[in-house]
All heavy atoms as atom14 arrays in JSON, in Angstrom:
{
  "sequence": "FNQVIYKYPTWYYDISVPAGKKVEYKYIKKDQNGNVVWQSGNNRSYT",
  "atom14_mask": [
    [1, 1, 1, 1, 1, 1, 1, 1, 1, 1, 1, 0, 0, 0],
    [1, 1, 1, 1, 1, 1, 1, 1, 0, 0, 0, 0, 0, 0],
    [1, 1, 1, 1, 1, 1, 1, 1, 1, 0, 0, 0, 0, 0],
    [1, 1, 1, 1, 1, 1, 1, 0, 0, 0, 0, 0, 0, 0],
    [1, 1, 1, 1, 1, 1, 1, 1, 0, 0, 0, 0, 0, 0],
    [1, 1, 1, 1, 1, 1, 1, 1, 1, 1, 1, 1, 0, 0],
    [1, 1, 1, 1, 1, 1, 1, 1, 1, 0, 0, 0, 0, 0],
    [1, 1, 1, 1, 1, 1, 1, 1, 1, 1, 1, 1, 0, 0],
    [1, 1, 1, 1, 1, 1, 1, 0, 0, 0, 0, 0, 0, 0],
    [1, 1, 1, 1, 1, 1, 1, 0, 0, 0, 0, 0, 0, 0],
    [1, 1, 1, 1, 1, 1, 1, 1, 1, 1, 1, 1, 1, 1],
    [1, 1, 1, 1, 1, 1, 1, 1, 1, 1, 1, 1, 0, 0],
    [1, 1, 1, 1, 1, 1, 1, 1, 1, 1, 1, 1, 0, 0],
    [1, 1, 1, 1, 1, 1, 1, 1, 0, 0, 0, 0, 0, 0],
    [1, 1, 1, 1, 1, 1, 1, 1, 0, 0, 0, 0, 0, 0],
    [1, 1, 1, 1, 1, 1, 0, 0, 0, 0, 0, 0, 0, 0],
    [1, 1, 1, 1, 1, 1, 1, 0, 0, 0, 0, 0, 0, 0],
    [1, 1, 1, 1, 1, 1, 1, 0, 0, 0, 0, 0, 0, 0],
    [1, 1, 1, 1, 1, 0, 0, 0, 0, 0, 0, 0, 0, 0],
    [1, 1, 1, 1, 0, 0, 0, 0, 0, 0, 0, 0, 0, 0],
    [1, 1, 1, 1, 1, 1, 1, 1, 1, 0, 0, 0, 0, 0],
    [1, 1, 1, 1, 1, 1, 1, 1, 1, 0, 0, 0, 0, 0],
    [1, 1, 1, 1, 1, 1, 1, 0, 0, 0, 0, 0, 0, 0],
    [1, 1, 1, 1, 1, 1, 1, 1, 1, 0, 0, 0, 0, 0],
    [1, 1, 1, 1, 1, 1, 1, 1, 1, 1, 1, 1, 0, 0],
    [1, 1, 1, 1, 1, 1, 1, 1, 1, 0, 0, 0, 0, 0],
    [1, 1, 1, 1, 1, 1, 1, 1, 1, 1, 1, 1, 0, 0],
    [1, 1, 1, 1, 1, 1, 1, 1, 0, 0, 0, 0, 0, 0],
    [1, 1, 1, 1, 1, 1, 1, 1, 1, 0, 0, 0, 0, 0],
    [1, 1, 1, 1, 1, 1, 1, 1, 1, 0, 0, 0, 0, 0],
    [1, 1, 1, 1, 1, 1, 1, 1, 0, 0, 0, 0, 0, 0],
    [1, 1, 1, 1, 1, 1, 1, 1, 1, 0, 0, 0, 0, 0],
    [1, 1, 1, 1, 1, 1, 1, 1, 0, 0, 0, 0, 0, 0],
    [1, 1, 1, 1, 0, 0, 0, 0, 0, 0, 0, 0, 0, 0],
    [1, 1, 1, 1, 1, 1, 1, 1, 0, 0, 0, 0, 0, 0],
    [1, 1, 1, 1, 1, 1, 1, 0, 0, 0, 0, 0, 0, 0],
    [1, 1, 1, 1, 1, 1, 1, 0, 0, 0, 0, 0, 0, 0],
    [1, 1, 1, 1, 1, 1, 1, 1, 1, 1, 1, 1, 1, 1],
    [1, 1, 1, 1, 1, 1, 1, 1, 1, 0, 0, 0, 0, 0],
    [1, 1, 1, 1, 1, 1, 0, 0, 0, 0, 0, 0, 0, 0],
    [1, 1, 1, 1, 0, 0, 0, 0, 0, 0, 0, 0, 0, 0],
    [1, 1, 1, 1, 1, 1, 1, 1, 0, 0, 0, 0, 0, 0],
    [1, 1, 1, 1, 1, 1, 1, 1, 0, 0, 0, 0, 0, 0],
    [1, 1, 1, 1, 1, 1, 1, 1, 1, 1, 1, 0, 0, 0],
    [1, 1, 1, 1, 1, 1, 0, 0, 0, 0, 0, 0, 0, 0],
    [1, 1, 1, 1, 1, 1, 1, 1, 1, 1, 1, 1, 0, 0],
    [1, 1, 1, 1, 1, 1, 1, 0, 0, 0, 0, 0, 0, 0]
  ],
  "atom14_positions": [
    [[-21.1, -5.68, 2.05], [-21.87, -4.47, 1.74], [-22.19, -4.41, 0.25], [-21.51, -5.02, -0.58], [-21.06, -3.23, 2.13], [-20.71, -3.14, 3.59], [-19.47, -2.67, 3.99], [-21.62, -3.51, 4.56], [-19.14, -2.56, 5.33], [-21.32, -3.41, 5.92], [-20.07, -2.94, 6.3], [0.0, 0.0, 0.0], [0.0, 0.0, 0.0], [0.0, 0.0, 0.0]],
    [[-23.21, -3.58, -0.1], [-23.57, -3.47, -1.53], [-24.31, -2.18, -1.87], [-25.09, -2.16, -2.81], [-24.42, -4.68, -1.96], [-25.7, -4.82, -1.16], [-26.19, -3.85, -0.58], [-26.27, -6.01, -1.14], [0.0, 0.0, 0.0], [0.0, 0.0, 0.0], [0.0, 0.0, 0.0], [0.0, 0.0, 0.0], [0.0, 0.0, 0.0], [0.0, 0.0, 0.0]],
    [[-24.03, -1.09, -1.13], [-24.82, 0.12, -1.35], [-24.02, 1.38, -1.63], [-24.55, 2.31, -2.23], [-25.73, 0.37, -0.14], [-26.82, -0.67, 0.05], [-27.79, -0.7, -1.11], [-28.28, 0.33, -1.58], [-28.08, -1.9, -1.6], [0.0, 0.0, 0.0], [0.0, 0.0, 0.0], [0.0, 0.0, 0.0], [0.0, 0.0, 0.0], [0.0, 0.0, 0.0]],
    [[-22.76, 1.48, -1.21], [-22.06, 2.76, -1.31], [-20.89, 2.69, -2.28], [-20.94, 3.29, -3.36], [-21.59, 3.25, 0.08], [-20.87, 4.61, -0.06], [-22.76, 3.38, 1.05], [0.0, 0.0, 0.0], [0.0, 0.0, 0.0], [0.0, 0.0, 0.0], [0.0, 0.0, 0.0], [0.0, 0.0, 0.0], [0.0, 0.0, 0.0], [0.0, 0.0, 0.0]],
    [[-19.82, 1.99, -1.94], [-18.65, 1.92, -2.83], [-19.02, 1.21, -4.12], [-18.72, 1.68, -5.23], [-17.48, 1.2, -2.14], [-17.07, 1.94, -0.85], [-16.29, 1.07, -3.08], [-16.58, 3.35, -1.07], [0.0, 0.0, 0.0], [0.0, 0.0, 0.0], [0.0, 0.0, 0.0], [0.0, 0.0, 0.0], [0.0, 0.0, 0.0], [0.0, 0.0, 0.0]],
    [[-19.65, 0.06, -4.01], [-20.26, -0.64, -5.14], [-21.71, -0.9, -4.78], [-22.07, -0.97, -3.61], [-19.55, -1.97, -5.43], [-18.07, -1.86, -5.66], [-17.17, -2.54, -4.84], [-17.56, -1.11, -6.72], [-15.81, -2.46, -5.06], [-16.2, -1.02, -6.94], [-15.33, -1.69, -6.1], [-13.98, -1.6, -6.33], [0.0, 0.0, 0.0], [0.0, 0.0, 0.0]],
    [[-22.52, -1.07, -5.81], [-23.94, -1.3, -5.58], [-24.35, -2.69, -6.06], [-23.78, -3.24, -6.99], [-24.78, -0.21, -6.26], [-24.57, 1.18, -5.67], [-25.5, 2.21, -6.29], [-25.28, 3.59, -5.69], [-25.6, 3.64, -4.25], [0.0, 0.0, 0.0], [0.0, 0.0, 0.0], [0.0, 0.0, 0.0], [0.0, 0.0, 0.0], [0.0, 0.0, 0.0]],
    [[-25.34, -3.23, -5.39], [-25.89, -4.54, -5.72], [-26.16, -4.66, -7.22], [-26.67, -3.71, -7.82], [-27.19, -4.75, -4.94], [-27.88, -6.06, -5.2], [-27.54, -7.2, -4.48], [-28.87, -6.16, -6.19], [-28.17, -8.41, -4.74], [-29.5, -7.37, -6.44], [-29.14, -8.49, -5.72], [-29.76, -9.68, -5.97], [0.0, 0.0, 0.0], [0.0, 0.0, 0.0]],
    [[-25.78, -5.79, -7.83], [-25.37, -7.07, -7.24], [-23.86, -7.23, -7.03], [-23.38, -8.36, -6.96], [-25.9, -8.07, -8.24], [-25.77, -7.37, -9.56], [-26.07, -5.93, -9.28], [0.0, 0.0, 0.0], [0.0, 0.0, 0.0], [0.0, 0.0, 0.0], [0.0, 0.0, 0.0], [0.0, 0.0, 0.0], [0.0, 0.0, 0.0], [0.0, 0.0, 0.0]],
    [[-23.12, -6.1, -6.97], [-21.72, -6.2, -6.57], [-21.64, -6.01, -5.05], [-22.26, -5.1, -4.5], [-20.86, -5.14, -7.27], [-20.88, -5.4, -8.69], [-19.43, -5.17, -6.78], [0.0, 0.0, 0.0], [0.0, 0.0, 0.0], [0.0, 0.0, 0.0], [0.0, 0.0, 0.0], [0.0, 0.0, 0.0], [0.0, 0.0, 0.0], [0.0, 0.0, 0.0]],
    [[-20.89, -6.88, -4.4], [-20.72, -6.85, -2.95], [-19.25, -6.62, -2.62], [-18.36, -7.0, -3.39], [-21.17, -8.17, -2.32], [-22.58, -8.58, -2.6], [-23.12, -8.93, -3.81], [-23.64, -8.7, -1.65], [-24.45, -9.27, -3.66], [-24.79, -9.14, -2.34], [-23.74, -8.51, -0.27], [-26.01, -9.37, -1.72], [-24.95, -8.73, 0.37], [-26.08, -9.15, -0.35]],
    [[-18.96, -6.01, -1.47], [-17.57, -5.74, -1.1], [-17.42, -5.71, 0.42], [-18.39, -5.53, 1.16], [-17.1, -4.39, -1.68], [-17.83, -3.19, -1.08], [-17.25, -2.44, -0.06], [-19.1, -2.82, -1.53], [-17.92, -1.35, 0.49], [-19.76, -1.73, -0.98], [-19.17, -1.0, 0.03], [-19.84, 0.06, 0.58], [0.0, 0.0, 0.0], [0.0, 0.0, 0.0]],
    [[-16.18, -5.89, 0.87], [-15.88, -5.83, 2.31], [-14.39, -5.63, 2.48], [-13.58, -6.26, 1.8], [-16.32, -7.12, 3.01], [-16.77, -6.93, 4.43], [-17.96, -6.27, 4.72], [-16.02, -7.42, 5.51], [-18.4, -6.11, 6.03], [-16.45, -7.26, 6.82], [-17.64, -6.6, 7.07], [-18.06, -6.43, 8.37], [0.0, 0.0, 0.0], [0.0, 0.0, 0.0]],
    [[-13.99, -4.73, 3.4], [-12.58, -4.49, 3.71], [-12.17, -5.41, 4.86], [-12.77, -5.39, 5.94], [-12.36, -3.04, 4.11], [-12.67, -2.07, 2.97], [-12.66, -2.52, 1.81], [-12.92, -0.89, 3.25], [0.0, 0.0, 0.0], [0.0, 0.0, 0.0], [0.0, 0.0, 0.0], [0.0, 0.0, 0.0], [0.0, 0.0, 0.0], [0.0, 0.0, 0.0]],
    [[-11.13, -6.22, 4.63], [-10.76, -7.27, 5.58], [-9.26, -7.21, 5.87], [-8.44, -6.99, 4.98], [-11.11, -8.66, 5.01], [-12.59, -8.72, 4.61], [-10.78, -9.77, 6.01], [-12.98, -10.0, 3.87], [0.0, 0.0, 0.0], [0.0, 0.0, 0.0], [0.0, 0.0, 0.0], [0.0, 0.0, 0.0], [0.0, 0.0, 0.0], [0.0, 0.0, 0.0]],
    [[-8.91, -7.41, 7.13], [-7.51, -7.51, 7.52], [-7.03, -8.94, 7.27], [-7.59, -9.9, 7.81], [-7.34, -7.16, 9.0], [-5.98, -7.22, 9.39], [0.0, 0.0, 0.0], [0.0, 0.0, 0.0], [0.0, 0.0, 0.0], [0.0, 0.0, 0.0], [0.0, 0.0, 0.0], [0.0, 0.0, 0.0], [0.0, 0.0, 0.0], [0.0, 0.0, 0.0]],
    [[-6.01, -9.08, 6.41], [-5.5, -10.4, 6.02], [-3.98, -10.4, 6.15], [-3.35, -9.34, 6.18], [-5.93, -10.77, 4.58], [-7.42, -11.03, 4.51], [-5.52, -9.67, 3.6], [0.0, 0.0, 0.0], [0.0, 0.0, 0.0], [0.0, 0.0, 0.0], [0.0, 0.0, 0.0], [0.0, 0.0, 0.0], [0.0, 0.0, 0.0], [0.0, 0.0, 0.0]],
    [[-3.36, -11.59, 6.2], [-1.89, -11.63, 6.32], [-1.21, -11.02, 5.1], [-1.64, -11.23, 3.97], [-1.59, -13.13, 6.46], [-2.82, -13.83, 5.98], [-3.96, -12.93, 6.27], [0.0, 0.0, 0.0], [0.0, 0.0, 0.0], [0.0, 0.0, 0.0], [0.0, 0.0, 0.0], [0.0, 0.0, 0.0], [0.0, 0.0, 0.0], [0.0, 0.0, 0.0]],
    [[-0.16, -10.25, 5.35], [0.56, -9.56, 4.28], [1.47, -10.52, 3.51], [2.03, -11.46, 4.07], [1.39, -8.42, 4.87], [0.0, 0.0, 0.0], [0.0, 0.0, 0.0], [0.0, 0.0, 0.0], [0.0, 0.0, 0.0], [0.0, 0.0, 0.0], [0.0, 0.0, 0.0], [0.0, 0.0, 0.0], [0.0, 0.0, 0.0], [0.0, 0.0, 0.0]],
    [[1.59, -10.27, 2.19], [2.52, -11.01, 1.36], [2.27, -12.5, 1.34], [3.21, -13.29, 1.28], [0.0, 0.0, 0.0], [0.0, 0.0, 0.0], [0.0, 0.0, 0.0], [0.0, 0.0, 0.0], [0.0, 0.0, 0.0], [0.0, 0.0, 0.0], [0.0, 0.0, 0.0], [0.0, 0.0, 0.0], [0.0, 0.0, 0.0], [0.0, 0.0, 0.0]],
    [[1.01, -12.89, 1.34], [0.68, -14.32, 1.4], [-0.35, -14.67, 0.34], [-1.32, -13.93, 0.13], [0.14, -14.67, 2.79], [-0.14, -16.16, 2.98], [-0.59, -16.45, 4.4], [-0.89, -17.93, 4.59], [0.3, -18.8, 4.38], [0.0, 0.0, 0.0], [0.0, 0.0, 0.0], [0.0, 0.0, 0.0], [0.0, 0.0, 0.0], [0.0, 0.0, 0.0]],
    [[-0.16, -15.82, -0.3], [-1.17, -16.31, -1.23], [-2.31, -16.93, -0.43], [-2.1, -17.86, 0.35], [-0.57, -17.35, -2.18], [-1.55, -17.88, -3.21], [-0.9, -18.89, -4.15], [-1.9, -19.42, -5.18], [-1.27, -20.41, -6.08], [0.0, 0.0, 0.0], [0.0, 0.0, 0.0], [0.0, 0.0, 0.0], [0.0, 0.0, 0.0], [0.0, 0.0, 0.0]],
    [[-3.51, -16.41, -0.63], [-4.67, -16.93, 0.08], [-5.65, -17.52, -0.94], [-5.72, -17.07, -2.09], [-5.37, -15.85, 0.92], [-4.45, -15.33, 2.01], [-5.87, -14.7, 0.05], [0.0, 0.0, 0.0], [0.0, 0.0, 0.0], [0.0, 0.0, 0.0], [0.0, 0.0, 0.0], [0.0, 0.0, 0.0], [0.0, 0.0, 0.0], [0.0, 0.0, 0.0]],
    [[-6.38, -18.5, -0.49], [-7.46, -19.07, -1.29], [-8.77, -18.77, -0.6], [-8.84, -18.76, 0.64], [-7.27, -20.58, -1.46], [-6.03, -20.95, -2.25], [-5.94, -22.45, -2.5], [-6.83, -23.19, -2.02], [-5.0, -22.88, -3.19], [0.0, 0.0, 0.0], [0.0, 0.0, 0.0], [0.0, 0.0, 0.0], [0.0, 0.0, 0.0], [0.0, 0.0, 0.0]],
    [[-9.81, -18.54, -1.39], [-11.07, -18.12, -0.8], [-12.22, -18.41, -1.75], [-12.04, -18.65, -2.95], [-11.05, -16.63, -0.46], [-10.94, -15.72, -1.67], [-12.08, -15.17, -2.26], [-9.7, -15.43, -2.25], [-11.98, -14.37, -3.38], [-9.6, -14.62, -3.36], [-10.75, -14.09, -3.92], [-10.66, -13.29, -5.03], [0.0, 0.0, 0.0], [0.0, 0.0, 0.0]],
    [[-13.43, -18.36, -1.22], [-14.66, -18.38, -1.99], [-15.69, -17.51, -1.29], [-15.6, -17.26, -0.09], [-15.21, -19.81, -2.11], [-14.58, -20.65, -3.2], [-15.34, -21.96, -3.39], [-14.81, -22.7, -4.62], [-15.58, -23.95, -4.87], [0.0, 0.0, 0.0], [0.0, 0.0, 0.0], [0.0, 0.0, 0.0], [0.0, 0.0, 0.0], [0.0, 0.0, 0.0]],
    [[-16.67, -17.09, -2.08], [-17.81, -16.38, -1.52], [-18.93, -17.38, -1.27], [-19.08, -18.39, -1.98], [-18.29, -15.28, -2.47], [-17.26, -14.2, -2.65], [-16.44, -14.17, -3.79], [-17.07, -13.22, -1.69], [-15.48, -13.18, -3.95], [-16.12, -12.22, -1.85], [-15.33, -12.21, -2.98], [-14.37, -11.24, -3.13], [0.0, 0.0, 0.0], [0.0, 0.0, 0.0]],
    [[-19.71, -17.12, -0.24], [-20.87, -17.96, 0.05], [-22.09, -17.08, 0.26], [-21.98, -15.93, 0.68], [-20.65, -18.85, 1.28], [-20.42, -18.0, 2.55], [-19.49, -19.82, 1.06], [-20.35, -18.83, 3.83], [0.0, 0.0, 0.0], [0.0, 0.0, 0.0], [0.0, 0.0, 0.0], [0.0, 0.0, 0.0], [0.0, 0.0, 0.0], [0.0, 0.0, 0.0]],
    [[-23.25, -17.64, -0.06], [-24.52, -17.0, 0.24], [-25.12, -17.71, 1.45], [-25.16, -18.93, 1.5], [-25.48, -17.09, -0.95], [-24.98, -16.37, -2.19], [-25.92, -16.57, -3.37], [-25.4, -15.89, -4.64], [-26.3, -16.1, -5.8], [0.0, 0.0, 0.0], [0.0, 0.0, 0.0], [0.0, 0.0, 0.0], [0.0, 0.0, 0.0], [0.0, 0.0, 0.0]],
    [[-25.56, -16.93, 2.41], [-26.11, -17.5, 3.63], [-27.45, -16.82, 3.91], [-27.52, -15.59, 3.98], [-25.15, -17.28, 4.79], [-25.53, -18.02, 6.08], [-24.62, -17.66, 7.25], [-23.17, -18.06, 6.99], [-22.34, -17.84, 8.23], [0.0, 0.0, 0.0], [0.0, 0.0, 0.0], [0.0, 0.0, 0.0], [0.0, 0.0, 0.0], [0.0, 0.0, 0.0]],
    [[-28.5, -17.63, 4.08], [-29.82, -17.05, 4.34], [-30.05, -16.91, 5.84], [-29.21, -17.3, 6.67], [-30.93, -17.83, 3.65], [-31.15, -19.23, 4.23], [-30.69, -19.5, 5.36], [-31.8, -20.06, 3.55], [0.0, 0.0, 0.0], [0.0, 0.0, 0.0], [0.0, 0.0, 0.0], [0.0, 0.0, 0.0], [0.0, 0.0, 0.0], [0.0, 0.0, 0.0]],
    [[-31.22, -16.38, 6.19], [-31.5, -16.08, 7.59], [-31.64, -17.34, 8.45], [-31.6, -17.27, 9.68], [-32.78, -15.25, 7.69], [-33.97, -15.85, 6.98], [-35.05, -14.82, 6.7], [-34.95, -13.67, 7.12], [-36.09, -15.23, 6.02], [0.0, 0.0, 0.0], [0.0, 0.0, 0.0], [0.0, 0.0, 0.0], [0.0, 0.0, 0.0], [0.0, 0.0, 0.0]],
    [[-31.78, -18.49, 7.81], [-31.85, -19.75, 8.54], [-30.5, -20.47, 8.62], [-30.42, -21.58, 9.15], [-32.88, -20.69, 7.88], [-34.28, -20.13, 7.93], [-34.7, -19.59, 8.96], [-35.0, -20.24, 6.82], [0.0, 0.0, 0.0], [0.0, 0.0, 0.0], [0.0, 0.0, 0.0], [0.0, 0.0, 0.0], [0.0, 0.0, 0.0], [0.0, 0.0, 0.0]],
    [[-29.46, -19.82, 8.08], [-28.13, -20.4, 8.13], [-27.8, -21.32, 6.98], [-26.71, -21.93, 6.97], [0.0, 0.0, 0.0], [0.0, 0.0, 0.0], [0.0, 0.0, 0.0], [0.0, 0.0, 0.0], [0.0, 0.0, 0.0], [0.0, 0.0, 0.0], [0.0, 0.0, 0.0], [0.0, 0.0, 0.0], [0.0, 0.0, 0.0], [0.0, 0.0, 0.0]],
    [[-28.69, -21.47, 6.0], [-28.41, -22.31, 4.84], [-27.35, -21.65, 3.96], [-27.4, -20.44, 3.72], [-29.69, -22.54, 4.03], [-30.75, -23.27, 4.84], [-30.47, -24.3, 5.45], [-31.97, -22.73, 4.85], [0.0, 0.0, 0.0], [0.0, 0.0, 0.0], [0.0, 0.0, 0.0], [0.0, 0.0, 0.0], [0.0, 0.0, 0.0], [0.0, 0.0, 0.0]],
    [[-26.41, -22.45, 3.47], [-25.25, -21.93, 2.76], [-25.22, -22.44, 1.33], [-25.42, -23.63, 1.07], [-23.95, -22.32, 3.49], [-22.72, -21.92, 2.67], [-23.9, -21.68, 4.87], [0.0, 0.0, 0.0], [0.0, 0.0, 0.0], [0.0, 0.0, 0.0], [0.0, 0.0, 0.0], [0.0, 0.0, 0.0], [0.0, 0.0, 0.0], [0.0, 0.0, 0.0]],
    [[-24.95, -21.52, 0.4], [-24.68, -21.87, -1.0], [-23.28, -21.4, -1.33], [-22.96, -20.21, -1.21], [-25.71, -21.21, -1.95], [-25.33, -21.5, -3.4], [-27.12, -21.69, -1.65], [0.0, 0.0, 0.0], [0.0, 0.0, 0.0], [0.0, 0.0, 0.0], [0.0, 0.0, 0.0], [0.0, 0.0, 0.0], [0.0, 0.0, 0.0], [0.0, 0.0, 0.0]],
    [[-22.42, -22.34, -1.72], [-21.03, -22.01, -2.03], [-20.89, -21.55, -3.48], [-21.58, -22.02, -4.37], [-20.14, -23.23, -1.81], [-19.93, -23.58, -0.37], [-20.78, -24.23, 0.46], [-18.77, -23.29, 0.41], [-20.24, -24.37, 1.71], [-18.99, -23.81, 1.71], [-17.55, -22.65, 0.14], [-18.05, -23.7, 2.73], [-16.61, -22.56, 1.16], [-16.86, -23.07, 2.44]],
    [[-19.97, -20.63, -3.68], [-19.59, -20.22, -5.02], [-19.05, -21.45, -5.75], [-18.29, -22.25, -5.18], [-18.53, -19.13, -4.93], [-18.15, -18.48, -6.24], [-17.1, -17.4, -6.04], [-16.37, -17.41, -5.05], [-17.03, -16.46, -6.98], [0.0, 0.0, 0.0], [0.0, 0.0, 0.0], [0.0, 0.0, 0.0], [0.0, 0.0, 0.0], [0.0, 0.0, 0.0]],
    [[-19.42, -21.63, -7.01], [-19.01, -22.82, -7.76], [-17.58, -22.66, -8.29], [-16.99, -21.58, -8.25], [-19.97, -23.05, -8.93], [-19.94, -21.95, -9.81], [0.0, 0.0, 0.0], [0.0, 0.0, 0.0], [0.0, 0.0, 0.0], [0.0, 0.0, 0.0], [0.0, 0.0, 0.0], [0.0, 0.0, 0.0], [0.0, 0.0, 0.0], [0.0, 0.0, 0.0]],
    [[-17.04, -23.78, -8.82], [-15.73, -23.74, -9.44], [-14.6, -23.89, -8.44], [-14.79, -24.2, -7.27], [0.0, 0.0, 0.0], [0.0, 0.0, 0.0], [0.0, 0.0, 0.0], [0.0, 0.0, 0.0], [0.0, 0.0, 0.0], [0.0, 0.0, 0.0], [0.0, 0.0, 0.0], [0.0, 0.0, 0.0], [0.0, 0.0, 0.0], [0.0, 0.0, 0.0]],
    [[-13.39, -23.67, -8.94], [-12.2, -23.8, -8.1], [-12.11, -22.67, -7.08], [-12.72, -21.6, -7.25], [-10.95, -23.78, -8.99], [-10.89, -24.97, -9.92], [-11.36, -26.06, -9.57], [-10.31, -24.77, -11.1], [0.0, 0.0, 0.0], [0.0, 0.0, 0.0], [0.0, 0.0, 0.0], [0.0, 0.0, 0.0], [0.0, 0.0, 0.0], [0.0, 0.0, 0.0]],
    [[-11.31, -22.91, -6.05], [-11.03, -21.84, -5.09], [-10.39, -20.66, -5.81], [-9.55, -20.85, -6.7], [-10.08, -22.33, -4.0], [-10.66, -23.44, -3.17], [-11.88, -23.62, -3.12], [-9.79, -24.2, -2.5], [0.0, 0.0, 0.0], [0.0, 0.0, 0.0], [0.0, 0.0, 0.0], [0.0, 0.0, 0.0], [0.0, 0.0, 0.0], [0.0, 0.0, 0.0]],
    [[-10.78, -19.47, -5.45], [-10.12, -18.27, -5.97], [-8.82, -18.09, -5.19], [-8.76, -18.38, -3.99], [-11.0, -17.04, -5.82], [-12.04, -16.86, -6.92], [-12.95, -18.05, -7.09], [-14.04, -17.8, -8.06], [-14.87, -18.72, -8.46], [-14.77, -19.97, -8.0], [-15.82, -18.43, -9.32], [0.0, 0.0, 0.0], [0.0, 0.0, 0.0], [0.0, 0.0, 0.0]],
    [[-7.79, -17.62, -5.85], [-6.51, -17.39, -5.17], [-6.05, -15.96, -5.43], [-6.36, -15.36, -6.47], [-5.45, -18.38, -5.64], [-5.16, -18.21, -7.01], [0.0, 0.0, 0.0], [0.0, 0.0, 0.0], [0.0, 0.0, 0.0], [0.0, 0.0, 0.0], [0.0, 0.0, 0.0], [0.0, 0.0, 0.0], [0.0, 0.0, 0.0], [0.0, 0.0, 0.0]],
    [[-5.29, -15.43, -4.47], [-4.85, -14.03, -4.55], [-3.67, -13.86, -3.61], [-3.68, -14.37, -2.48], [-6.01, -13.12, -4.14], [-5.63, -11.71, -3.76], [-5.18, -10.8, -4.72], [-5.73, -11.29, -2.45], [-4.84, -9.51, -4.36], [-5.4, -10.0, -2.07], [-4.94, -9.11, -3.04], [-4.6, -7.83, -2.68], [0.0, 0.0, 0.0], [0.0, 0.0, 0.0]],
    [[-2.64, -13.18, -4.06], [-1.48, -12.89, -3.22], [-1.6, -11.48, -2.67], [-1.67, -10.5, -3.44], [-0.17, -13.05, -3.99], [-0.07, -14.41, -4.47], [1.03, -12.75, -3.1], [0.0, 0.0, 0.0], [0.0, 0.0, 0.0], [0.0, 0.0, 0.0], [0.0, 0.0, 0.0], [0.0, 0.0, 0.0], [0.0, 0.0, 0.0], [0.0, 0.0, 0.0]]
  ]
}
């Protein structure tokens, strides 16, 4: 999403994830044809 809690070009989403766990993730851009652009750099990590 990008219209209420934060506004474009900030995007956000509430997600159910495992508790007390270090996760690695990246953001991707996906167009209407399914083409994907990955966020550059190392994987982001968060506990």
